[in-house]
Amino acid sequence: IQFDTNMNQLLKTHKLIDADSANVKQKIALNYIHISNELSGITDLLMPLYITILFKNDLFYTNYSQIDFNPLQFKEKPWFEKLEHLSFYQTYWLGAHPTYIKSEKDTYPYLITIGRRIQKANDLNSYLIISVKENEIKKLFSQIQSEKRAKFYLTNKDGDVYSSLNTSELGTKLQYDVTNTDYQIVDYMEEKHLLVSYPVSYSNWRLISLVPYKDTIGSINMVTRTTILIQGGFLVLFLIGLIILVRELTKPITRLHQVTKAINQGDLTARIHLPGNNDVAQLGHSFNHMLDTIEEMIEQIKIREEAKRNAELEMLQAQINPHFLFNVLNAIRLKIKMEGDTGSASLIYSLSALLRMTINRNNAFIPFDEEVSTVKHYVELMNFRHRYDVELEIDMNEVTSRFQVPRFFLQPVIENAIIHGINNRKETIKIIASEQSDTYLELIVSDNGKGMDTITLEGLRKKIFQTNSDNIVNSSKSFNGIGVQNVYQRMKLIYGDAFQLWIDSIEGEGTTLTFQIPVNKR
């Protein structure tokens, strides 16, 4: 009505009718027809409306009979003055009130009315008042009511009831905060109700619903219980199916466990027989192949152990010859000694003692005094064989004499000192043993031989200290095939980094080797 061009033209023509003209009634009637035709497109689509348009010149238009109500009486209403203070886009929402249509007071006792001022530029004001029967709102409530005990209201922001399914509640006030958009649980008629409030567009009115709390929650509880029962049934079926599936899947694993248990008890003939080509079956085939391989390896080990035992027997038999030679030497020594040749007897004794030490290899460690005794016999034989004049000086106490050392570690050192230290003069080799701080044995072996220069000494150190045990080359010049570098590597293998060796030499004066042997390796 406010923005339609044709409607505005008709309203403008209606306002310009001269009330004192001779044919005013014909003009008003003709304009009524035009306005009614223009409004028919609106009124026919909506629920029945009472439309009133008032002009400043007391002319008016209505779609109801003036016998029922004179529209000029609106100007006497206290709320009509409020229309003057509305802006161009504001609407006054009057709310519910007794009907002003006399012929419908009994059938439709209440109306809901809104009003607006229609104003154009450089034009007089006009007023538009539209009323709708409250029963029409009630019909809408009836259509959306799904629960008999549910209640619907149309109120203002203060809770004044404008429309309700119960006509007696019109004009009363709801004692709740209807402006709260969240749902509320309230007491209504001594029963808990769920209250929901929703605003009406373009106004401060509210749509209110009150539903008994038990009815709402009861439906939810029924759905919840039904859902729980259905889910419980499905869960039971799922668990039964899962148990059956797990048992079928774990049968091969159980069989595998039984076979491993039998093997653990010593039955190496047990095997796994699983059909299919899945992962567990392939694992069973691999396990069977592993058992076959183990049986073959055990059989091979038995054969090797038997061959090893036979070799050990042959080795024991081969030791008869050295023992026989040792016994014969002792017999010759006794015969020579009985004939008075003590020197030859002493040499044979030294040779037989050295031979006995080489035959007896049961113990990897011997007391230090036994190692020194072996060295003495070796020096005596070397002096006899090569006509050397080597003197051996020993300095050790009772503690160091009981110290356990590796067998034959000192002999290659003394051999090296004799062979490489001869300088055409009487050679003296000193062995000094002492225990240092109860942690290691310090052993010093020095000679007064020809020594070596700095370059030769550095080359010797590099050869001894940087040679790996895998690259040791046996020396045919040594008594038992090992040299000083072999001794160093052997001691490193036994004691690790706790063993230390220092080599010092001065050309023309001699060479000194200092050993540091851990005490805790006894």
Protein backbone atom coordinates (compact mmCIF):
# COMPACT_ATOMS: atom_id res chain seq x y z
CA ILE A 1 0.00 0.00 0.00
CA GLN A 2 2.80 2.40 0.91
CA PHE A 3 5.10 1.80 -2.06
CA ASP A 4 2.80 0.72 -4.90
CA THR A 5 2.72 3.46 -7.61
CA ASN A 6 -0.92 2.95 -8.65
CA MET A 7 -2.03 2.82 -5.04
CA ASN A 8 -0.21 6.04 -4.25
CA GLN A 9 -1.87 7.78 -7.20
CA LEU A 10 -5.32 6.66 -6.03
CA LEU A 11 -4.62 7.81 -2.47
CA LYS A 12 -3.45 11.16 -3.76
CA THR A 13 -6.64 11.52 -5.83
CA HIS A 14 -8.77 10.52 -2.81
CA LYS A 15 -7.11 13.15 -0.62
CA LEU A 16 -7.76 15.87 -3.20
CA ILE A 17 -11.58 15.30 -3.38
CA ASP A 18 -13.43 18.37 -2.30
CA ALA A 19 -15.95 17.42 0.37
CA ASP A 20 -18.16 20.43 -0.52
CA SER A 21 -18.44 19.69 -4.25
CA ALA A 22 -21.80 18.69 -5.73
CA ASN A 23 -20.73 15.27 -6.96
CA VAL A 24 -18.47 14.36 -4.00
CA LYS A 25 -20.34 11.14 -3.30
CA GLN A 26 -19.92 9.94 -6.88
CA LYS A 27 -16.19 10.75 -6.80
CA ILE A 28 -15.71 8.99 -3.48
CA ALA A 29 -17.65 5.94 -4.64
CA LEU A 30 -15.69 5.76 -7.88
CA ASN A 31 -12.39 6.07 -6.02
CA TYR A 32 -13.55 3.40 -3.57
CA ILE A 33 -13.99 1.00 -6.45
CA HIS A 34 -10.51 1.72 -7.79
CA ILE A 35 -8.88 1.37 -4.35
CA SER A 36 -10.78 -1.85 -3.63
CA ASN A 37 -9.73 -3.33 -6.96
CA GLU A 38 -6.11 -2.36 -6.24
CA LEU A 39 -6.23 -3.89 -2.75
CA SER A 40 -7.93 -7.08 -3.87
CA GLY A 41 -4.57 -8.59 -4.85
CA ILE A 42 -3.46 -8.21 -1.23
CA THR A 43 -6.59 -8.93 0.75
CA ASP A 44 -7.48 -12.03 -1.27
CA LEU A 45 -4.13 -13.72 -0.50
CA LEU A 46 -4.05 -12.96 3.21
CA MET A 47 -6.37 -13.85 6.04
CA PRO A 48 -9.45 -11.56 6.39
CA LEU A 49 -8.27 -8.06 7.24
CA TYR A 50 -10.01 -4.84 8.21
CA ILE A 51 -8.23 -2.01 6.34
CA THR A 52 -8.71 1.69 7.19
CA ILE A 53 -7.04 4.62 5.41
CA LEU A 54 -7.59 8.05 7.01
CA PHE A 55 -6.74 11.41 5.44
CA LYS A 56 -6.22 14.83 6.98
CA ASN A 57 -9.40 16.14 5.33
CA ASP A 58 -11.45 13.52 7.26
CA LEU A 59 -11.94 11.52 4.14
CA PHE A 60 -11.29 7.80 4.54
CA TYR A 61 -11.39 4.44 2.89
CA THR A 62 -12.51 1.18 4.57
CA ASN A 63 -13.20 -2.34 3.38
CA TYR A 64 -15.93 -2.75 5.98
CA SER A 65 -19.31 -1.08 6.44
CA GLN A 66 -19.51 2.31 8.19
CA ILE A 67 -22.59 1.04 9.95
CA ASP A 68 -20.37 -1.27 12.02
CA PHE A 69 -17.78 1.42 12.83
CA ASN A 70 -17.04 5.03 11.93
CA PRO A 71 -13.28 5.16 11.13
CA LEU A 72 -13.08 8.80 12.29
CA GLN A 73 -13.41 7.43 15.84
CA PHE A 74 -9.80 6.17 15.56
CA LYS A 75 -8.69 9.78 16.00
CA GLU A 76 -10.24 9.75 19.45
CA LYS A 77 -8.25 6.71 20.56
CA PRO A 78 -5.31 7.50 22.93
CA TRP A 79 -2.84 5.48 20.82
CA PHE A 80 -3.67 7.40 17.59
CA GLU A 81 -1.45 10.33 18.60
CA LYS A 82 1.51 7.93 18.69
CA LEU A 83 1.23 7.50 14.93
CA GLU A 84 2.24 11.16 14.52
CA HIS A 85 5.65 10.45 16.13
CA LEU A 86 6.53 7.41 14.03
CA SER A 87 9.25 7.61 11.39
CA PHE A 88 8.67 6.74 7.76
CA TYR A 89 9.44 3.03 8.24
CA GLN A 90 8.06 2.46 11.77
CA THR A 91 4.87 0.59 12.58
CA TYR A 92 2.82 0.88 15.74
CA TRP A 93 1.83 -2.55 17.10
CA LEU A 94 -1.30 -2.08 19.14
CA GLY A 95 -1.85 -5.71 19.99
CA ALA A 96 -5.11 -7.42 21.04
CA HIS A 97 -8.18 -5.39 21.96
CA PRO A 98 -11.96 -5.79 21.82
CA THR A 99 -13.34 -5.64 18.30
CA TYR A 100 -14.72 -2.37 16.92
CA ILE A 101 -16.92 -4.17 14.38
CA LYS A 102 -20.31 -4.23 16.07
CA SER A 103 -21.75 -7.07 13.98
CA GLU A 104 -18.92 -9.46 15.01
CA LYS A 105 -18.65 -8.80 18.76
CA ASP A 106 -20.13 -12.17 19.59
CA THR A 107 -18.36 -14.30 16.99
CA TYR A 108 -14.98 -12.52 16.88
CA PRO A 109 -14.67 -10.54 20.11
CA TYR A 110 -11.01 -9.56 19.71
CA LEU A 111 -8.86 -7.97 17.03
CA ILE A 112 -5.12 -7.47 16.69
CA THR A 113 -4.29 -4.07 15.17
CA ILE A 114 -1.23 -2.32 13.73
CA GLY A 115 -0.94 1.25 12.41
CA ARG A 116 1.43 3.35 10.29
CA ARG A 117 1.67 6.89 8.96
CA ILE A 118 2.00 7.14 5.16
CA GLN A 119 3.85 10.28 4.15
CA LYS A 120 5.05 11.50 0.73
CA ALA A 121 7.29 14.41 -0.09
CA ASN A 122 5.39 17.76 -0.21
CA ASP A 123 2.21 15.88 0.49
CA LEU A 124 -0.26 15.57 3.36
CA ASN A 125 -0.05 12.70 5.83
CA SER A 126 -2.42 9.77 5.72
CA TYR A 127 -2.84 6.92 8.15
CA LEU A 128 -3.12 3.20 7.50
CA ILE A 129 -4.74 0.98 10.14
CA ILE A 130 -5.02 -2.80 9.63
CA SER A 131 -6.77 -5.21 11.99
CA VAL A 132 -6.92 -9.03 11.91
CA LYS A 133 -9.25 -11.27 13.84
CA GLU A 134 -7.58 -12.84 16.85
CA ASN A 135 -9.38 -16.08 15.98
CA GLU A 136 -7.29 -16.31 12.80
CA ILE A 137 -4.12 -16.41 14.91
CA LYS A 138 -5.80 -18.99 17.12
CA LYS A 139 -6.46 -21.14 14.04
CA LEU A 140 -2.77 -21.05 13.17
CA PHE A 141 -1.96 -22.20 16.70
CA SER A 142 -4.46 -25.03 16.36
CA GLN A 143 -2.88 -26.15 13.11
CA ILE A 144 0.63 -26.45 14.59
CA GLN A 145 -0.46 -27.95 17.90
CA SER A 146 0.78 -31.56 17.97
CA GLU A 147 0.23 -32.20 21.67
CA LYS A 148 -3.15 -31.63 23.28
CA ARG A 149 -1.54 -30.27 26.39
CA ALA A 150 0.74 -27.87 24.51
CA LYS A 151 -0.08 -24.16 24.76
CA PHE A 152 0.81 -21.33 22.36
CA TYR A 153 0.72 -17.58 22.99
CA LEU A 154 1.30 -14.35 21.12
CA THR A 155 2.52 -11.74 23.62
CA ASN A 156 4.42 -8.50 23.80
CA LYS A 157 7.84 -8.20 25.42
CA ASP A 158 6.25 -7.85 28.85
CA GLY A 159 4.31 -11.08 28.54
CA ASP A 160 0.83 -9.58 27.92
CA VAL A 161 -1.21 -12.20 26.05
CA TYR A 162 -2.53 -11.01 22.65
CA SER A 163 -3.62 -14.41 21.34
CA SER A 164 -4.10 -17.82 22.87
CA LEU A 165 -5.88 -21.09 22.31
CA ASN A 166 -7.78 -20.26 25.49
CA THR A 167 -9.77 -17.04 24.88
CA SER A 168 -10.12 -16.43 28.62
CA GLU A 169 -6.36 -15.84 28.86
CA LEU A 170 -6.44 -12.81 26.51
CA GLY A 171 -5.37 -9.67 28.33
CA THR A 172 -3.63 -11.64 31.10
CA LYS A 173 0.12 -11.59 31.67
CA LEU A 174 2.57 -14.52 31.66
CA GLN A 175 4.73 -14.43 34.77
CA TYR A 176 7.89 -15.47 32.95
CA ASP A 177 10.80 -13.79 31.24
CA VAL A 178 9.61 -14.10 27.67
CA THR A 179 12.56 -12.14 26.27
CA ASN A 180 14.97 -14.98 27.08
CA THR A 181 15.68 -16.82 23.82
CA ASP A 182 16.99 -19.92 25.63
CA TYR A 183 14.55 -22.63 26.61
CA GLN A 184 13.33 -22.51 30.21
CA ILE A 185 11.78 -25.00 32.59
CA VAL A 186 8.94 -23.19 34.42
CA ASP A 187 6.05 -24.06 36.73
CA TYR A 188 2.66 -23.72 35.06
CA MET A 189 -0.54 -24.98 36.65
CA GLU A 190 1.56 -26.80 39.30
CA GLU A 191 3.43 -28.77 36.63
CA LYS A 192 6.86 -28.44 35.04
CA HIS A 193 6.67 -27.04 31.52
CA LEU A 194 9.26 -26.38 28.84
CA LEU A 195 8.97 -22.72 27.73
CA VAL A 196 10.37 -21.58 24.38
CA SER A 197 10.20 -17.92 23.26
CA TYR A 198 10.75 -16.66 19.68
CA PRO A 199 10.61 -13.02 18.49
CA VAL A 200 8.16 -11.84 15.81
CA SER A 201 9.89 -10.00 12.97
CA TYR A 202 9.69 -6.17 12.89
CA SER A 203 8.04 -5.96 16.31
CA ASN A 204 8.70 -6.55 19.98
CA TRP A 205 6.09 -9.32 20.10
CA ARG A 206 6.93 -12.88 21.03
CA LEU A 207 5.65 -16.33 20.11
CA ILE A 208 5.53 -18.51 23.23
CA SER A 209 5.10 -22.28 23.53
CA LEU A 210 4.51 -24.15 26.78
CA VAL A 211 4.82 -27.95 26.62
CA PRO A 212 4.63 -30.27 29.67
CA TYR A 213 8.16 -31.32 30.53
CA LYS A 214 7.17 -34.96 31.07
CA ASP A 215 5.59 -35.20 27.63
CA THR A 216 8.71 -33.86 25.94
CA ILE A 217 11.23 -35.81 27.98
CA GLY A 218 9.02 -38.91 27.87
CA SER A 219 9.27 -39.06 24.10
CA ILE A 220 13.00 -38.47 24.27
CA ASN A 221 13.39 -41.17 26.93
CA MET A 222 11.38 -43.63 24.86
CA VAL A 223 13.58 -42.93 21.82
CA THR A 224 16.67 -43.19 24.02
CA ARG A 225 15.61 -46.52 25.51
CA THR A 226 14.71 -47.90 22.11
CA THR A 227 18.05 -46.75 20.70
CA ILE A 228 19.96 -48.29 23.63
CA LEU A 229 18.12 -51.62 23.22
CA ILE A 230 18.79 -51.71 19.49
CA GLN A 231 22.44 -50.77 20.00
CA GLY A 232 22.74 -53.36 22.77
CA GLY A 233 21.35 -56.05 20.49
CA PHE A 234 23.73 -55.12 17.71
CA LEU A 235 26.62 -55.03 20.21
CA VAL A 236 25.84 -58.57 21.42
CA LEU A 237 25.67 -59.82 17.84
CA PHE A 238 28.92 -58.02 17.04
CA LEU A 239 30.67 -59.52 20.08
CA ILE A 240 29.50 -63.03 19.18
CA GLY A 241 30.71 -62.60 15.61
CA LEU A 242 33.96 -61.08 16.83
CA ILE A 243 34.60 -63.99 19.21
CA ILE A 244 33.98 -66.51 16.44
CA LEU A 245 36.21 -64.59 14.04
CA VAL A 246 39.01 -64.21 16.61
CA ARG A 247 38.89 -67.93 17.44
CA GLU A 248 39.18 -68.81 13.76
CA LEU A 249 42.04 -66.37 13.30
CA THR A 250 43.91 -67.51 16.43
CA LYS A 251 43.66 -71.25 15.73
CA PRO A 252 46.89 -71.25 13.64
CA ILE A 253 48.64 -69.19 16.32
CA THR A 254 47.48 -71.66 18.99
CA ARG A 255 48.83 -74.50 16.89
CA LEU A 256 52.11 -72.62 16.51
CA HIS A 257 52.29 -72.21 20.29
CA GLN A 258 51.72 -75.93 20.83
CA VAL A 259 54.52 -76.82 18.42
CA THR A 260 56.97 -74.36 20.02
CA LYS A 261 56.08 -75.77 23.44
CA ALA A 262 56.78 -79.32 22.19
CA ILE A 263 60.11 -78.17 20.74
CA ASN A 264 60.98 -76.50 24.04
CA GLN A 265 60.46 -79.88 25.72
CA GLY A 266 62.94 -81.46 23.28
CA ASP A 267 60.73 -82.84 20.52
CA LEU A 268 62.43 -81.50 17.41
CA THR A 269 60.28 -83.68 15.16
CA ALA A 270 57.14 -81.57 15.79
CA ARG A 271 55.92 -79.66 12.73
CA ILE A 272 53.16 -77.18 11.89
CA HIS A 273 50.69 -78.14 9.16
CA LEU A 274 48.56 -75.12 8.21
CA PRO A 275 46.50 -74.95 4.99
CA GLY A 276 46.22 -71.82 2.87
CA ASN A 277 48.65 -69.14 1.78
CA ASN A 278 48.01 -66.44 4.37
CA ASP A 279 50.65 -64.77 6.54
CA VAL A 280 50.33 -67.24 9.44
CA ALA A 281 50.54 -70.23 7.07
CA GLN A 282 53.68 -68.78 5.47
CA LEU A 283 55.08 -68.25 8.96
CA GLY A 284 54.38 -71.93 9.71
CA HIS A 285 56.17 -73.02 6.53
CA SER A 286 59.17 -70.84 7.44
CA PHE A 287 59.13 -72.27 10.97
CA ASN A 288 59.14 -75.83 9.62
CA HIS A 289 62.02 -74.98 7.29
CA MET A 290 63.92 -73.49 10.23
CA LEU A 291 63.42 -76.68 12.26
CA ASP A 292 64.68 -78.78 9.33
CA THR A 293 67.76 -76.55 9.10
CA ILE A 294 68.35 -76.80 12.86
CA GLU A 295 68.17 -80.58 12.74
CA GLU A 296 70.69 -80.64 9.90
CA MET A 297 73.01 -78.26 11.79
CA ILE A 298 72.74 -80.38 14.96
CA GLU A 299 73.69 -83.45 12.94
CA GLN A 300 76.64 -81.59 11.42
CA ILE A 301 77.75 -80.40 14.87
CA LYS A 302 77.63 -83.98 16.13
CA ILE A 303 79.85 -85.08 13.23
CA ARG A 304 82.28 -82.20 13.84
CA GLU A 305 82.42 -82.85 17.59
CA GLU A 306 83.16 -86.49 16.89
CA ALA A 307 85.96 -85.51 14.52
CA LYS A 308 87.26 -82.99 17.06
CA ARG A 309 87.33 -85.64 19.79
CA ASN A 310 89.22 -87.98 17.50
CA ALA A 311 91.71 -85.21 16.72
CA GLU A 312 92.21 -84.54 20.41
CA LEU A 313 92.92 -88.22 20.95
CA GLU A 314 95.45 -88.12 18.12
CA MET A 315 97.00 -85.00 19.66
CA LEU A 316 97.35 -86.77 23.01
CA GLN A 317 98.98 -89.64 21.25
CA ALA A 318 101.32 -87.26 19.42
CA GLN A 319 102.42 -85.82 22.77
CA ILE A 320 103.92 -89.16 23.65
CA ASN A 321 107.00 -88.39 21.56
CA PRO A 322 107.89 -85.07 23.33
CA HIS A 323 107.32 -86.74 26.70
CA PHE A 324 109.46 -89.65 25.67
CA LEU A 325 112.20 -87.19 24.56
CA PHE A 326 111.87 -85.33 27.90
CA ASN A 327 112.25 -88.58 29.87
CA VAL A 328 115.24 -89.69 27.78
CA LEU A 329 116.95 -86.30 28.35
CA ASN A 330 116.46 -86.65 32.09
CA ALA A 331 118.01 -90.11 31.99
CA ILE A 332 121.03 -88.81 29.98
CA ARG A 333 121.42 -85.86 32.40
CA LEU A 334 121.51 -88.20 35.41
CA LYS A 335 124.09 -90.46 33.73
CA ILE A 336 126.33 -87.48 32.78
CA LYS A 337 126.00 -86.02 36.27
CA MET A 338 126.95 -89.38 37.80
CA GLU A 339 130.06 -89.38 35.60
CA GLY A 340 131.03 -85.96 37.03
CA ASP A 341 130.28 -83.68 34.04
CA THR A 342 128.11 -81.17 35.97
CA GLY A 343 128.25 -78.53 33.20
CA SER A 344 126.74 -80.80 30.58
CA ALA A 345 124.19 -82.02 33.12
CA SER A 346 123.15 -78.47 33.86
CA LEU A 347 122.66 -77.72 30.15
CA ILE A 348 120.56 -80.83 29.65
CA TYR A 349 118.51 -79.88 32.72
CA SER A 350 117.86 -76.40 31.28
CA LEU A 351 116.86 -77.91 27.94
CA SER A 352 114.55 -80.45 29.55
CA ALA A 353 112.97 -77.75 31.78
CA LEU A 354 112.37 -75.52 28.74
CA LEU A 355 110.95 -78.47 26.84
CA ARG A 356 108.63 -79.29 29.72
CA MET A 357 107.33 -75.69 29.74
CA THR A 358 106.51 -75.89 26.05
CA ILE A 359 104.74 -79.25 26.46
CA ASN A 360 102.59 -78.17 29.43
CA ARG A 361 100.10 -75.59 28.08
CA ASN A 362 97.21 -76.29 30.43
CA ASN A 363 97.42 -72.94 32.20
CA ALA A 364 97.44 -69.63 30.32
CA PHE A 365 98.85 -67.85 33.43
CA ILE A 366 101.78 -68.87 35.60
CA PRO A 367 103.53 -67.24 38.60
CA PHE A 368 106.05 -64.61 37.68
CA ASP A 369 108.94 -66.54 39.30
CA GLU A 370 108.23 -69.53 36.99
CA GLU A 371 108.38 -67.21 33.97
CA VAL A 372 111.70 -65.87 35.26
CA SER A 373 112.99 -69.44 35.78
CA THR A 374 112.15 -70.24 32.14
CA VAL A 375 114.05 -67.13 31.03
CA LYS A 376 117.09 -68.24 33.08
CA HIS A 377 117.14 -71.63 31.36
CA TYR A 378 116.75 -69.93 27.98
CA VAL A 379 119.71 -67.56 28.63
CA GLU A 380 121.90 -70.45 29.76
CA LEU A 381 121.14 -72.39 26.56
CA MET A 382 121.73 -69.30 24.38
CA ASN A 383 125.11 -68.72 26.03
CA PHE A 384 126.06 -72.33 25.36
CA ARG A 385 124.76 -72.47 21.79
CA HIS A 386 126.16 -69.17 20.50
CA ARG A 387 128.99 -68.81 23.02
CA TYR A 388 127.50 -65.56 24.31
CA ASP A 389 128.48 -64.09 27.63
CA VAL A 390 125.09 -62.75 28.72
CA GLU A 391 124.46 -62.15 32.40
CA LEU A 392 120.89 -62.02 33.74
CA GLU A 393 120.20 -59.88 36.85
CA ILE A 394 116.85 -60.37 38.60
CA ASP A 395 115.32 -57.92 41.11
CA MET A 396 111.93 -59.01 42.49
CA ASN A 397 110.37 -59.53 45.87
CA GLU A 398 108.06 -62.18 47.28
CA VAL A 399 104.88 -60.31 46.26
CA THR A 400 105.88 -59.88 42.64
CA SER A 401 107.12 -63.48 42.41
CA ARG A 402 103.57 -64.74 43.09
CA PHE A 403 102.04 -62.39 40.52
CA GLN A 404 100.24 -64.30 37.73
CA VAL A 405 101.46 -63.41 34.25
CA PRO A 406 100.79 -64.85 30.77
CA ARG A 407 102.94 -67.83 29.85
CA PHE A 408 106.02 -67.13 27.64
CA PHE A 409 105.46 -63.36 27.44
CA LEU A 410 108.98 -62.52 28.74
CA GLN A 411 111.09 -64.99 26.71
CA PRO A 412 110.65 -63.15 23.32
CA VAL A 413 111.71 -59.89 24.98
CA ILE A 414 114.91 -61.47 26.39
CA GLU A 415 115.57 -63.17 23.04
CA ASN A 416 115.23 -59.82 21.26
CA ALA A 417 117.63 -58.20 23.73
CA ILE A 418 120.26 -60.94 23.22
CA ILE A 419 120.04 -61.10 19.41
CA HIS A 420 119.87 -57.36 18.71
CA GLY A 421 121.92 -56.11 21.63
CA ILE A 422 125.28 -57.87 21.12
CA ASN A 423 128.04 -55.25 20.79
CA ASN A 424 131.26 -57.25 21.31
CA ARG A 425 131.27 -56.80 25.04
CA LYS A 426 129.76 -58.61 27.99
CA GLU A 427 126.02 -57.99 27.93
CA THR A 428 123.94 -57.63 31.08
CA ILE A 429 120.15 -57.88 31.05
CA LYS A 430 118.34 -56.55 34.11
CA ILE A 431 114.79 -57.53 35.10
CA ILE A 432 113.28 -55.30 37.80
CA ALA A 433 109.75 -56.07 39.04
CA SER A 434 107.79 -53.92 41.50
CA GLU A 435 104.16 -53.49 42.49
CA GLN A 436 102.92 -49.90 42.12
CA SER A 437 100.02 -48.54 44.20
CA ASP A 438 98.41 -52.01 44.47
CA THR A 439 96.99 -51.52 40.98
CA TYR A 440 99.57 -52.80 38.53
CA LEU A 441 102.93 -54.54 38.24
CA GLU A 442 105.74 -52.47 36.77
CA LEU A 443 108.33 -54.60 34.96
CA ILE A 444 111.52 -53.03 33.56
CA VAL A 445 113.73 -55.05 31.15
CA SER A 446 116.93 -53.25 30.21
CA ASP A 447 120.19 -54.23 28.50
CA ASN A 448 123.54 -52.54 27.90
CA GLY A 449 123.64 -53.51 24.22
CA LYS A 450 124.31 -51.34 21.21
CA GLY A 451 120.90 -49.63 21.36
CA MET A 452 119.50 -47.73 18.36
CA ASP A 453 119.24 -44.23 16.97
CA THR A 454 116.11 -42.07 17.05
CA ILE A 455 114.91 -42.97 13.55
CA THR A 456 115.27 -46.70 14.16
CA LEU A 457 113.55 -46.36 17.55
CA GLU A 458 110.57 -44.52 16.01
CA GLY A 459 110.30 -47.17 13.30
CA LEU A 460 110.30 -49.90 15.93
CA ARG A 461 107.62 -48.15 17.97
CA LYS A 462 105.45 -47.67 14.90
CA LYS A 463 105.83 -51.32 13.93
CA ILE A 464 104.99 -52.60 17.42
CA PHE A 465 102.21 -50.21 18.50
CA GLN A 466 100.36 -49.90 15.17
CA THR A 467 100.39 -53.53 14.06
CA ASN A 468 97.02 -55.31 14.29
CA SER A 469 96.89 -58.78 15.66
CA ASP A 470 95.49 -60.02 12.35
CA ASN A 471 98.61 -58.89 10.49
CA ILE A 472 101.27 -60.42 12.73
CA VAL A 473 104.00 -62.18 10.76
CA ASN A 474 105.69 -65.00 12.58
CA SER A 475 109.42 -64.67 12.96
CA SER A 476 111.48 -67.75 12.28
CA LYS A 477 114.28 -66.28 14.32
CA SER A 478 112.32 -66.54 17.57
CA PHE A 479 112.42 -69.62 19.78
CA ASN A 480 108.68 -70.23 19.64
CA GLY A 481 107.69 -68.13 16.63
CA ILE A 482 106.63 -64.89 18.30
CA GLY A 483 108.41 -61.54 18.67
CA VAL A 484 108.07 -58.36 20.75
CA GLN A 485 105.21 -57.04 18.63
CA ASN A 486 103.37 -60.34 19.14
CA VAL A 487 103.88 -59.99 22.90
CA TYR A 488 102.40 -56.46 22.79
CA GLN A 489 99.36 -57.57 20.82
CA ARG A 490 98.86 -60.58 23.06
CA MET A 491 99.00 -58.47 26.23
CA LYS A 492 96.55 -55.95 24.70
CA LEU A 493 94.11 -58.76 23.94
CA ILE A 494 94.34 -59.99 27.54
CA TYR A 495 94.38 -56.71 29.51
CA GLY A 496 92.97 -54.18 27.05
CA ASP A 497 93.87 -50.52 27.48
CA ALA A 498 94.94 -51.16 31.07
CA PHE A 499 98.21 -52.66 29.74
CA GLN A 500 100.94 -50.20 28.72
CA LEU A 501 104.40 -50.63 27.13
CA TRP A 502 107.14 -48.03 26.74
CA ILE A 503 110.33 -48.51 24.69
CA ASP A 504 113.40 -46.29 25.17
CA SER A 505 116.85 -46.69 23.62
CA ILE A 506 120.12 -44.76 23.38
CA GLU A 507 122.55 -45.66 20.67
CA GLY A 508 125.69 -47.28 22.16
CA GLU A 509 124.14 -47.54 25.66
CA GLY A 510 121.27 -50.00 25.41
CA THR A 511 117.51 -50.42 25.29
CA THR A 512 114.85 -50.39 28.03
CA LEU A 513 111.31 -51.83 27.88
CA THR A 514 108.85 -50.88 30.63
CA PHE A 515 105.71 -52.99 31.12
CA GLN A 516 102.64 -51.91 33.12
CA ILE A 517 100.55 -55.03 33.89
CA PRO A 518 97.23 -54.71 35.85
CA VAL A 519 97.25 -56.46 39.22
CA ASN A 520 93.56 -57.43 39.04
CA LYS A 521 94.31 -59.90 36.18
CA ARG A 522 95.71 -62.69 38.30
